Amino acid sequence: MLFFGHVGITLGAGTLLAGLAGSAKDSPRARVSWWGSLAGYVDIRFLMFGSLLPDIVDKPIGHFIFRDTFNNGRIFAHTLLFFLLLSAAGFFLYRRRHSVWMLTLAAGTLAHLALDAMWYIPATLFWPLMGFEFEKIDLESWLPGLLQALVSDPVVFAGEMVGLAVVLWLGLVLFRRKKIGVFIRSGKMS
């Protein structure tokens, strides 16, 4: 997955889950506001950021800063350990302050791991249980490979198109409700 796939599909899945949870509580005649349901549970900005967090952490470290050491953009933040640490911190914050922002970040990170199909790279997913080394990959063709996958791999293309549609849908809803500023400041819809 690339940018829109991670952000949009994560937002779409979160919105569906929140909408289903909200509609289960509502009367059958109640109009379900899907985006409003998600924003009622979490700050959507943290979900969006969490859906990109593993790449934000790992790409600079593995591709640029420690390229000779790792030579891979899927390292520490693409592990279950990273997700579990975020979740533990999130549960601590929730118990202490009833704050869900870190849990929301963890949920976005879990979605990222799922969308990257990290189960196909168990040595990374279960790091350090399966060893301390990360697989080295050819980074010379990384960016051209991503662009090639976008135009030749139907799964990548479809994921990006679905993700883009969800992000555009959110943008349109915010624009029509005149809530773009509110969303940028608070991550809420109203």
N, C-alpha and C. Protein backbone atom coordinates (compact mmCIF):
# COMPACT_ATOMS: atom_id res chain seq x y z
N MET A 1 0.84 -1.18 0.00
CA MET A 1 0.00 0.00 0.00
C MET A 1 0.88 1.24 0.00
N LEU A 2 0.33 2.27 -0.58
CA LEU A 2 0.99 3.56 -0.59
C LEU A 2 0.18 4.53 0.27
N PHE A 3 0.40 5.80 0.11
CA PHE A 3 -0.19 6.82 0.98
C PHE A 3 -1.71 6.73 1.09
N PHE A 4 -2.41 6.87 -0.03
CA PHE A 4 -3.88 6.90 0.02
C PHE A 4 -4.46 5.56 0.45
N GLY A 5 -3.82 4.48 0.09
CA GLY A 5 -4.29 3.17 0.52
C GLY A 5 -4.28 3.05 2.03
N HIS A 6 -3.15 3.44 2.64
CA HIS A 6 -3.06 3.36 4.10
C HIS A 6 -4.06 4.28 4.78
N VAL A 7 -4.07 5.54 4.40
CA VAL A 7 -4.93 6.52 5.07
C VAL A 7 -6.40 6.23 4.78
N GLY A 8 -6.74 6.11 3.52
CA GLY A 8 -8.14 5.97 3.14
C GLY A 8 -8.79 4.67 3.59
N ILE A 9 -8.10 3.57 3.40
CA ILE A 9 -8.68 2.28 3.81
C ILE A 9 -8.80 2.21 5.32
N THR A 10 -7.83 2.74 6.04
CA THR A 10 -7.92 2.79 7.51
C THR A 10 -9.10 3.65 7.95
N LEU A 11 -9.26 4.81 7.33
CA LEU A 11 -10.41 5.67 7.65
C LEU A 11 -11.73 4.99 7.30
N GLY A 12 -11.76 4.36 6.14
CA GLY A 12 -12.98 3.67 5.73
C GLY A 12 -13.36 2.55 6.67
N ALA A 13 -12.37 1.74 7.06
CA ALA A 13 -12.64 0.64 7.99
C ALA A 13 -13.09 1.18 9.35
N GLY A 14 -12.40 2.20 9.84
CA GLY A 14 -12.79 2.80 11.12
C GLY A 14 -14.18 3.39 11.07
N THR A 15 -14.50 4.04 9.97
CA THR A 15 -15.82 4.64 9.80
C THR A 15 -16.91 3.57 9.76
N LEU A 16 -16.65 2.49 9.04
CA LEU A 16 -17.63 1.40 9.00
C LEU A 16 -17.85 0.80 10.38
N LEU A 17 -16.75 0.53 11.10
CA LEU A 17 -16.88 -0.03 12.44
C LEU A 17 -17.64 0.90 13.38
N ALA A 18 -17.28 2.19 13.34
CA ALA A 18 -17.96 3.15 14.21
C ALA A 18 -19.42 3.32 13.81
N GLY A 19 -19.69 3.33 12.51
CA GLY A 19 -21.06 3.45 12.04
C GLY A 19 -21.91 2.26 12.44
N LEU A 20 -21.33 1.06 12.33
CA LEU A 20 -22.06 -0.14 12.74
C LEU A 20 -22.30 -0.14 14.25
N ALA A 21 -21.29 0.26 15.01
CA ALA A 21 -21.45 0.33 16.46
C ALA A 21 -22.49 1.38 16.83
N GLY A 22 -22.48 2.51 16.14
CA GLY A 22 -23.44 3.58 16.41
C GLY A 22 -24.84 3.20 15.99
N SER A 23 -24.98 2.51 14.84
CA SER A 23 -26.32 2.16 14.36
C SER A 23 -26.93 1.06 15.23
N ALA A 24 -26.10 0.26 15.88
CA ALA A 24 -26.63 -0.77 16.77
C ALA A 24 -27.30 -0.14 17.99
N LYS A 25 -26.80 1.04 18.41
CA LYS A 25 -27.37 1.74 19.56
C LYS A 25 -28.59 2.57 19.19
N ASP A 26 -28.64 3.02 17.94
CA ASP A 26 -29.71 3.92 17.50
C ASP A 26 -30.99 3.16 17.21
N SER A 27 -32.06 3.91 17.15
CA SER A 27 -33.32 3.31 16.75
C SER A 27 -33.24 3.00 15.26
N PRO A 28 -34.06 2.10 14.76
CA PRO A 28 -34.00 1.74 13.34
C PRO A 28 -34.24 2.93 12.41
N ARG A 29 -34.95 3.95 12.89
CA ARG A 29 -35.25 5.10 12.04
C ARG A 29 -34.17 6.18 12.10
N ALA A 30 -33.24 6.04 13.01
CA ALA A 30 -32.21 7.08 13.17
C ALA A 30 -31.30 7.10 11.94
N ARG A 31 -31.00 8.30 11.49
CA ARG A 31 -30.08 8.48 10.36
C ARG A 31 -28.66 8.33 10.87
N VAL A 32 -27.90 7.45 10.25
CA VAL A 32 -26.54 7.20 10.69
C VAL A 32 -25.60 8.18 9.99
N SER A 33 -24.88 8.95 10.76
CA SER A 33 -23.85 9.81 10.22
C SER A 33 -22.53 9.09 10.43
N TRP A 34 -22.07 8.41 9.39
CA TRP A 34 -20.90 7.54 9.53
C TRP A 34 -19.67 8.28 10.01
N TRP A 35 -19.34 9.39 9.37
CA TRP A 35 -18.15 10.13 9.79
C TRP A 35 -18.32 10.67 11.20
N GLY A 36 -19.52 11.14 11.51
CA GLY A 36 -19.78 11.65 12.85
C GLY A 36 -19.62 10.56 13.90
N SER A 37 -19.99 9.33 13.54
CA SER A 37 -19.81 8.22 14.48
C SER A 37 -18.35 8.00 14.79
N LEU A 38 -17.50 7.98 13.76
CA LEU A 38 -16.07 7.78 13.98
C LEU A 38 -15.50 8.92 14.80
N ALA A 39 -15.84 10.15 14.45
CA ALA A 39 -15.33 11.31 15.17
C ALA A 39 -15.85 11.35 16.61
N GLY A 40 -16.97 10.69 16.87
CA GLY A 40 -17.48 10.61 18.23
C GLY A 40 -16.65 9.71 19.12
N TYR A 41 -15.94 8.77 18.51
CA TYR A 41 -15.11 7.84 19.27
C TYR A 41 -13.66 8.30 19.38
N VAL A 42 -13.12 8.83 18.28
CA VAL A 42 -11.68 9.13 18.22
C VAL A 42 -11.43 10.44 17.50
N ASP A 43 -10.23 10.94 17.67
CA ASP A 43 -9.73 12.07 16.89
C ASP A 43 -9.21 11.47 15.58
N ILE A 44 -9.90 11.72 14.50
CA ILE A 44 -9.59 11.10 13.21
C ILE A 44 -8.17 11.41 12.78
N ARG A 45 -7.64 12.56 13.16
CA ARG A 45 -6.27 12.91 12.77
C ARG A 45 -5.26 11.90 13.30
N PHE A 46 -5.46 11.40 14.52
CA PHE A 46 -4.54 10.41 15.09
C PHE A 46 -4.66 9.06 14.38
N LEU A 47 -5.86 8.72 13.95
CA LEU A 47 -6.03 7.49 13.18
C LEU A 47 -5.30 7.60 11.84
N MET A 48 -5.42 8.75 11.20
CA MET A 48 -4.73 8.98 9.92
C MET A 48 -3.21 8.93 10.12
N PHE A 49 -2.73 9.61 11.15
CA PHE A 49 -1.29 9.64 11.41
C PHE A 49 -0.79 8.24 11.76
N GLY A 50 -1.54 7.51 12.58
CA GLY A 50 -1.16 6.15 12.94
C GLY A 50 -1.08 5.23 11.74
N SER A 51 -1.95 5.47 10.74
CA SER A 51 -1.93 4.62 9.55
C SER A 51 -0.67 4.83 8.72
N LEU A 52 0.04 5.91 8.96
CA LEU A 52 1.29 6.20 8.25
C LEU A 52 2.52 6.07 9.15
N LEU A 53 2.31 5.98 10.46
CA LEU A 53 3.41 6.02 11.42
C LEU A 53 4.53 5.00 11.17
N PRO A 54 4.23 3.73 10.89
CA PRO A 54 5.35 2.81 10.63
C PRO A 54 6.27 3.26 9.50
N ASP A 55 5.70 3.81 8.44
CA ASP A 55 6.55 4.31 7.35
C ASP A 55 7.27 5.60 7.73
N ILE A 56 6.60 6.45 8.50
CA ILE A 56 7.23 7.70 8.94
C ILE A 56 8.46 7.40 9.80
N VAL A 57 8.38 6.36 10.61
CA VAL A 57 9.51 5.97 11.47
C VAL A 57 10.56 5.19 10.68
N ASP A 58 10.14 4.16 9.98
CA ASP A 58 11.08 3.20 9.40
C ASP A 58 11.76 3.65 8.11
N LYS A 59 11.04 4.36 7.25
CA LYS A 59 11.65 4.73 5.96
C LYS A 59 12.89 5.61 6.14
N PRO A 60 12.83 6.67 6.93
CA PRO A 60 14.05 7.47 7.11
C PRO A 60 15.19 6.68 7.77
N ILE A 61 14.86 5.86 8.76
CA ILE A 61 15.90 5.08 9.46
C ILE A 61 16.51 4.04 8.53
N GLY A 62 15.68 3.23 7.90
CA GLY A 62 16.16 2.11 7.10
C GLY A 62 16.63 2.47 5.71
N HIS A 63 16.12 3.58 5.15
CA HIS A 63 16.50 3.96 3.79
C HIS A 63 17.63 4.98 3.76
N PHE A 64 17.70 5.84 4.78
CA PHE A 64 18.63 6.95 4.70
C PHE A 64 19.63 7.00 5.86
N ILE A 65 19.15 7.09 7.09
CA ILE A 65 20.04 7.30 8.24
C ILE A 65 20.97 6.10 8.46
N PHE A 66 20.40 4.90 8.52
CA PHE A 66 21.19 3.68 8.75
C PHE A 66 21.05 2.73 7.56
N ARG A 67 21.17 3.26 6.37
CA ARG A 67 20.99 2.47 5.15
C ARG A 67 21.97 1.29 5.09
N ASP A 68 23.23 1.53 5.46
CA ASP A 68 24.22 0.46 5.41
C ASP A 68 23.92 -0.65 6.41
N THR A 69 23.26 -0.31 7.50
CA THR A 69 22.95 -1.29 8.53
C THR A 69 21.68 -2.08 8.20
N PHE A 70 20.61 -1.38 7.85
CA PHE A 70 19.32 -2.04 7.67
C PHE A 70 18.96 -2.31 6.21
N ASN A 71 19.14 -1.31 5.35
CA ASN A 71 18.83 -1.46 3.93
C ASN A 71 17.41 -2.01 3.74
N ASN A 72 16.46 -1.45 4.51
CA ASN A 72 15.08 -1.91 4.48
C ASN A 72 14.21 -0.83 5.11
N GLY A 73 13.06 -0.58 4.54
CA GLY A 73 12.14 0.42 5.08
C GLY A 73 11.05 -0.17 5.96
N ARG A 74 11.14 -1.45 6.24
CA ARG A 74 10.18 -2.10 7.14
C ARG A 74 10.99 -2.76 8.25
N ILE A 75 11.21 -1.97 9.30
CA ILE A 75 12.01 -2.48 10.42
C ILE A 75 11.20 -2.32 11.70
N PHE A 76 11.70 -1.61 12.68
CA PHE A 76 11.14 -1.58 14.03
C PHE A 76 9.66 -1.24 14.12
N ALA A 77 9.21 -0.22 13.42
CA ALA A 77 7.81 0.21 13.53
C ALA A 77 6.86 -0.70 12.75
N HIS A 78 7.39 -1.66 12.02
CA HIS A 78 6.56 -2.63 11.31
C HIS A 78 6.48 -3.95 12.10
N THR A 79 6.76 -3.90 13.39
CA THR A 79 6.72 -5.10 14.23
C THR A 79 5.50 -5.08 15.15
N LEU A 80 5.11 -6.25 15.60
CA LEU A 80 4.05 -6.32 16.62
C LEU A 80 4.51 -5.70 17.92
N LEU A 81 5.81 -5.76 18.20
CA LEU A 81 6.34 -5.15 19.42
C LEU A 81 6.04 -3.66 19.44
N PHE A 82 6.25 -2.97 18.32
CA PHE A 82 5.96 -1.53 18.24
C PHE A 82 4.48 -1.28 18.51
N PHE A 83 3.62 -2.07 17.86
CA PHE A 83 2.17 -1.94 18.09
C PHE A 83 1.82 -2.20 19.55
N LEU A 84 2.40 -3.24 20.15
CA LEU A 84 2.10 -3.55 21.55
C LEU A 84 2.58 -2.46 22.50
N LEU A 85 3.72 -1.86 22.21
CA LEU A 85 4.21 -0.74 23.04
C LEU A 85 3.28 0.46 22.94
N LEU A 86 2.83 0.79 21.73
CA LEU A 86 1.86 1.87 21.56
C LEU A 86 0.56 1.55 22.30
N SER A 87 0.11 0.31 22.18
CA SER A 87 -1.14 -0.09 22.85
C SER A 87 -1.01 -0.03 24.36
N ALA A 88 0.12 -0.49 24.89
CA ALA A 88 0.33 -0.45 26.34
C ALA A 88 0.34 1.00 26.83
N ALA A 89 1.03 1.86 26.11
CA ALA A 89 1.04 3.28 26.48
C ALA A 89 -0.37 3.85 26.37
N GLY A 90 -1.11 3.43 25.34
CA GLY A 90 -2.48 3.90 25.16
C GLY A 90 -3.40 3.46 26.29
N PHE A 91 -3.28 2.20 26.72
CA PHE A 91 -4.10 1.73 27.84
C PHE A 91 -3.75 2.46 29.12
N PHE A 92 -2.46 2.73 29.32
CA PHE A 92 -2.03 3.48 30.49
C PHE A 92 -2.66 4.88 30.49
N LEU A 93 -2.58 5.57 29.35
CA LEU A 93 -3.17 6.91 29.25
C LEU A 93 -4.69 6.87 29.42
N TYR A 94 -5.30 5.84 28.89
CA TYR A 94 -6.75 5.73 29.03
C TYR A 94 -7.14 5.53 30.49
N ARG A 95 -6.42 4.66 31.18
CA ARG A 95 -6.74 4.40 32.59
C ARG A 95 -6.47 5.62 33.47
N ARG A 96 -5.41 6.34 33.17
CA ARG A 96 -5.04 7.50 33.98
C ARG A 96 -5.86 8.74 33.65
N ARG A 97 -6.06 9.01 32.36
CA ARG A 97 -6.65 10.29 31.95
C ARG A 97 -7.89 10.14 31.06
N HIS A 98 -8.33 8.93 30.82
CA HIS A 98 -9.45 8.66 29.91
C HIS A 98 -9.20 9.27 28.53
N SER A 99 -7.95 9.24 28.10
CA SER A 99 -7.54 9.77 26.81
C SER A 99 -7.33 8.61 25.84
N VAL A 100 -7.90 8.71 24.65
CA VAL A 100 -7.81 7.62 23.69
C VAL A 100 -6.88 7.91 22.51
N TRP A 101 -6.18 9.02 22.53
CA TRP A 101 -5.38 9.38 21.36
C TRP A 101 -4.29 8.35 21.06
N MET A 102 -3.64 7.82 22.09
CA MET A 102 -2.58 6.84 21.84
C MET A 102 -3.16 5.51 21.37
N LEU A 103 -4.31 5.13 21.89
CA LEU A 103 -4.97 3.91 21.40
C LEU A 103 -5.39 4.09 19.94
N THR A 104 -5.82 5.28 19.59
CA THR A 104 -6.18 5.57 18.20
C THR A 104 -4.96 5.47 17.30
N LEU A 105 -3.83 5.98 17.78
CA LEU A 105 -2.57 5.87 17.04
C LEU A 105 -2.20 4.40 16.85
N ALA A 106 -2.37 3.61 17.91
CA ALA A 106 -2.07 2.18 17.84
C ALA A 106 -3.00 1.48 16.85
N ALA A 107 -4.27 1.85 16.83
CA ALA A 107 -5.22 1.24 15.89
C ALA A 107 -4.81 1.54 14.45
N GLY A 108 -4.40 2.77 14.19
CA GLY A 108 -3.92 3.13 12.85
C GLY A 108 -2.67 2.34 12.48
N THR A 109 -1.79 2.14 13.44
CA THR A 109 -0.57 1.37 13.20
C THR A 109 -0.89 -0.08 12.91
N LEU A 110 -1.83 -0.66 13.64
CA LEU A 110 -2.24 -2.04 13.37
C LEU A 110 -2.83 -2.16 11.96
N ALA A 111 -3.62 -1.19 11.56
CA ALA A 111 -4.17 -1.20 10.20
C ALA A 111 -3.03 -1.14 9.17
N HIS A 112 -2.01 -0.35 9.45
CA HIS A 112 -0.86 -0.26 8.54
C HIS A 112 -0.20 -1.63 8.38
N LEU A 113 0.02 -2.30 9.50
CA LEU A 113 0.65 -3.63 9.45
C LEU A 113 -0.20 -4.61 8.65
N ALA A 114 -1.51 -4.54 8.82
CA ALA A 114 -2.40 -5.42 8.07
C ALA A 114 -2.38 -5.09 6.58
N LEU A 115 -2.43 -3.81 6.25
CA LEU A 115 -2.43 -3.41 4.84
C LEU A 115 -1.10 -3.71 4.15
N ASP A 116 -0.01 -3.72 4.92
CA ASP A 116 1.29 -4.11 4.37
C ASP A 116 1.46 -5.64 4.33
N ALA A 117 0.45 -6.37 4.79
CA ALA A 117 0.49 -7.84 4.82
C ALA A 117 1.78 -8.33 5.47
N MET A 118 2.06 -7.81 6.65
CA MET A 118 3.32 -8.12 7.33
C MET A 118 3.42 -9.59 7.73
N TRP A 119 2.33 -10.33 7.71
CA TRP A 119 2.41 -11.77 8.02
C TRP A 119 3.26 -12.50 7.00
N TYR A 120 3.47 -11.90 5.83
CA TYR A 120 4.36 -12.51 4.83
C TYR A 120 5.84 -12.29 5.16
N ILE A 121 6.11 -11.44 6.13
CA ILE A 121 7.49 -11.20 6.57
C ILE A 121 7.53 -11.46 8.08
N PRO A 122 7.38 -12.72 8.51
CA PRO A 122 7.27 -13.03 9.93
C PRO A 122 8.51 -12.63 10.74
N ALA A 123 9.69 -12.65 10.13
CA ALA A 123 10.90 -12.26 10.87
C ALA A 123 10.82 -10.79 11.31
N THR A 124 10.18 -9.96 10.51
CA THR A 124 9.99 -8.56 10.88
C THR A 124 8.79 -8.42 11.81
N LEU A 125 7.68 -9.02 11.47
CA LEU A 125 6.47 -8.89 12.27
C LEU A 125 6.70 -9.33 13.71
N PHE A 126 7.39 -10.44 13.90
CA PHE A 126 7.59 -10.99 15.24
C PHE A 126 8.96 -10.65 15.83
N TRP A 127 9.63 -9.65 15.25
CA TRP A 127 10.93 -9.22 15.77
C TRP A 127 10.78 -8.83 17.23
N PRO A 128 11.66 -9.20 18.10
CA PRO A 128 12.92 -9.95 17.97
C PRO A 128 12.78 -11.45 18.24
N LEU A 129 11.58 -11.98 18.30
CA LEU A 129 11.38 -13.39 18.64
C LEU A 129 12.01 -14.34 17.63
N MET A 130 12.12 -13.91 16.39
CA MET A 130 12.68 -14.77 15.35
C MET A 130 14.08 -14.33 14.93
N GLY A 131 14.72 -13.56 15.78
CA GLY A 131 16.07 -13.08 15.49
C GLY A 131 16.11 -11.57 15.48
N PHE A 132 17.32 -11.04 15.54
CA PHE A 132 17.48 -9.59 15.62
C PHE A 132 17.76 -8.92 14.28
N GLU A 133 17.94 -9.71 13.24
CA GLU A 133 18.25 -9.16 11.92
C GLU A 133 16.97 -8.88 11.14
N PHE A 134 17.02 -7.85 10.33
CA PHE A 134 15.94 -7.57 9.38
C PHE A 134 16.43 -7.94 7.99
N GLU A 135 15.51 -8.42 7.17
CA GLU A 135 15.85 -8.77 5.80
C GLU A 135 16.34 -7.53 5.06
N LYS A 136 17.41 -7.68 4.31
CA LYS A 136 17.92 -6.57 3.50
C LYS A 136 17.29 -6.66 2.11
N ILE A 137 16.92 -5.50 1.58
CA ILE A 137 16.30 -5.46 0.25
C ILE A 137 17.08 -4.50 -0.64
N ASP A 138 16.82 -4.56 -1.92
CA ASP A 138 17.47 -3.67 -2.87
C ASP A 138 16.73 -2.33 -2.88
N LEU A 139 17.35 -1.32 -2.28
CA LEU A 139 16.71 -0.01 -2.20
C LEU A 139 16.93 0.84 -3.45
N GLU A 140 17.82 0.41 -4.32
CA GLU A 140 18.07 1.18 -5.55
C GLU A 140 16.80 1.23 -6.41
N SER A 141 16.05 0.15 -6.41
CA SER A 141 14.85 0.10 -7.25
C SER A 141 13.57 0.26 -6.42
N TRP A 142 13.68 0.75 -5.19
CA TRP A 142 12.53 0.86 -4.31
C TRP A 142 11.47 1.81 -4.87
N LEU A 143 11.83 3.06 -5.13
CA LEU A 143 10.85 4.02 -5.62
C LEU A 143 10.34 3.65 -7.02
N PRO A 144 11.20 3.32 -7.96
CA PRO A 144 10.66 2.86 -9.26
C PRO A 144 9.78 1.62 -9.10
N GLY A 145 10.12 0.75 -8.16
CA GLY A 145 9.31 -0.45 -7.91
C GLY A 145 7.92 -0.09 -7.40
N LEU A 146 7.84 0.93 -6.54
CA LEU A 146 6.53 1.38 -6.04
C LEU A 146 5.68 1.94 -7.19
N LEU A 147 6.30 2.75 -8.00
CA LEU A 147 5.56 3.34 -9.13
C LEU A 147 5.14 2.26 -10.12
N GLN A 148 6.00 1.28 -10.34
CA GLN A 148 5.67 0.18 -11.24
C GLN A 148 4.50 -0.64 -10.66
N ALA A 149 4.54 -0.89 -9.35
CA ALA A 149 3.45 -1.64 -8.71
C ALA A 149 2.14 -0.88 -8.81
N LEU A 150 2.20 0.44 -8.72
CA LEU A 150 0.99 1.25 -8.81
C LEU A 150 0.29 1.08 -10.15
N VAL A 151 1.08 0.96 -11.21
CA VAL A 151 0.47 0.85 -12.54
C VAL A 151 0.29 -0.59 -13.02
N SER A 152 0.99 -1.55 -12.39
CA SER A 152 0.90 -2.92 -12.90
C SER A 152 0.26 -3.91 -11.94
N ASP A 153 0.20 -3.60 -10.65
CA ASP A 153 -0.38 -4.52 -9.68
C ASP A 153 -1.80 -4.07 -9.36
N PRO A 154 -2.80 -4.86 -9.74
CA PRO A 154 -4.18 -4.45 -9.51
C PRO A 154 -4.53 -4.25 -8.03
N VAL A 155 -3.89 -5.00 -7.14
CA VAL A 155 -4.18 -4.85 -5.70
C VAL A 155 -3.70 -3.49 -5.21
N VAL A 156 -2.50 -3.10 -5.60
CA VAL A 156 -1.95 -1.79 -5.19
C VAL A 156 -2.79 -0.67 -5.81
N PHE A 157 -3.09 -0.79 -7.10
CA PHE A 157 -3.88 0.24 -7.78
C PHE A 157 -5.26 0.37 -7.14
N ALA A 158 -5.94 -0.75 -6.93
CA ALA A 158 -7.28 -0.72 -6.34
C ALA A 158 -7.23 -0.15 -4.93
N GLY A 159 -6.23 -0.55 -4.14
CA GLY A 159 -6.10 -0.03 -2.78
C GLY A 159 -5.92 1.48 -2.77
N GLU A 160 -5.10 1.97 -3.68
CA GLU A 160 -4.89 3.42 -3.76
C GLU A 160 -6.15 4.15 -4.22
N MET A 161 -6.86 3.58 -5.17
CA MET A 161 -8.08 4.22 -5.67
C MET A 161 -9.18 4.23 -4.60
N VAL A 162 -9.33 3.11 -3.89
CA VAL A 162 -10.33 3.05 -2.81
C VAL A 162 -9.94 4.05 -1.71
N GLY A 163 -8.66 4.05 -1.35
CA GLY A 163 -8.20 4.99 -0.33
C GLY A 163 -8.39 6.43 -0.74
N LEU A 164 -8.07 6.75 -1.99
CA LEU A 164 -8.26 8.12 -2.49
C LEU A 164 -9.74 8.49 -2.45
N ALA A 165 -10.61 7.57 -2.83
CA ALA A 165 -12.05 7.85 -2.81
C ALA A 165 -12.53 8.16 -1.39
N VAL A 166 -12.04 7.41 -0.40
CA VAL A 166 -12.45 7.65 0.99
C VAL A 166 -11.94 9.01 1.47
N VAL A 167 -10.69 9.33 1.16
CA VAL A 167 -10.13 10.63 1.58
C VAL A 167 -10.89 11.77 0.90
N LEU A 168 -11.18 11.62 -0.39
CA LEU A 168 -11.96 12.66 -1.08
C LEU A 168 -13.37 12.78 -0.51
N TRP A 169 -13.96 11.64 -0.15
CA TRP A 169 -15.29 11.65 0.46
C TRP A 169 -15.26 12.43 1.77
N LEU A 170 -14.28 12.16 2.62
CA LEU A 170 -14.14 12.91 3.87
C LEU A 170 -13.97 14.39 3.58
N GLY A 171 -13.10 14.72 2.62
CA GLY A 171 -12.89 16.12 2.27
C GLY A 171 -14.17 16.79 1.80
N LEU A 172 -14.94 16.08 0.99
CA LEU A 172 -16.20 16.62 0.49
C LEU A 172 -17.20 16.84 1.63
N VAL A 173 -17.30 15.87 2.52
CA VAL A 173 -18.21 16.01 3.67
C VAL A 173 -17.80 17.21 4.52
N LEU A 174 -16.50 17.35 4.79
CA LEU A 174 -16.03 18.49 5.58
C LEU A 174 -16.30 19.81 4.86
N PHE A 175 -16.08 19.83 3.57
CA PHE A 175 -16.31 21.05 2.78
C PHE A 175 -17.79 21.43 2.79
N ARG A 176 -18.66 20.46 2.55
CA ARG A 176 -20.10 20.74 2.50
C ARG A 176 -20.64 21.19 3.85
N ARG A 177 -20.07 20.65 4.92
CA ARG A 177 -20.52 21.04 6.27
C ARG A 177 -19.79 22.27 6.78
N LYS A 178 -18.85 22.77 6.00
CA LYS A 178 -18.02 23.92 6.38
C LYS A 178 -17.30 23.65 7.70
N LYS A 179 -16.69 22.47 7.80
CA LYS A 179 -16.03 22.03 9.02
C LYS A 179 -14.54 21.73 8.82
N ILE A 180 -13.96 22.17 7.74
CA ILE A 180 -12.54 21.88 7.48
C ILE A 180 -11.67 22.44 8.60
N GLY A 181 -11.91 23.69 8.99
CA GLY A 181 -11.13 24.31 10.08
C GLY A 181 -11.31 23.58 11.40
N VAL A 182 -12.55 23.20 11.70
CA VAL A 182 -12.83 22.46 12.94
C VAL A 182 -12.08 21.13 12.92
N PHE A 183 -12.09 20.44 11.78
CA PHE A 183 -11.41 19.16 11.67
C PHE A 183 -9.90 19.33 11.84
N ILE A 184 -9.33 20.32 11.21
CA ILE A 184 -7.88 20.54 11.32
C ILE A 184 -7.49 20.84 12.76
N ARG A 185 -8.30 21.62 13.46
CA ARG A 185 -7.98 21.98 14.86
C ARG A 185 -8.27 20.87 15.86
N SER A 186 -9.32 20.09 15.63
CA SER A 186 -9.76 19.14 16.68
C SER A 186 -9.86 17.69 16.24
N GLY A 187 -9.88 17.42 14.95
CA GLY A 187 -10.09 16.05 14.48
C GLY A 187 -11.53 15.62 14.58
N LYS A 188 -12.41 16.55 14.86
CA LYS A 188 -13.85 16.26 14.99
C LYS A 188 -14.60 16.82 13.80
N MET A 189 -15.86 16.47 13.69
CA MET A 189 -16.68 16.91 12.58
C MET A 189 -17.57 18.09 12.94
N SER A 190 -17.67 18.43 14.23
CA SER A 190 -18.52 19.55 14.62
C SER A 190 -17.93 20.27 15.82
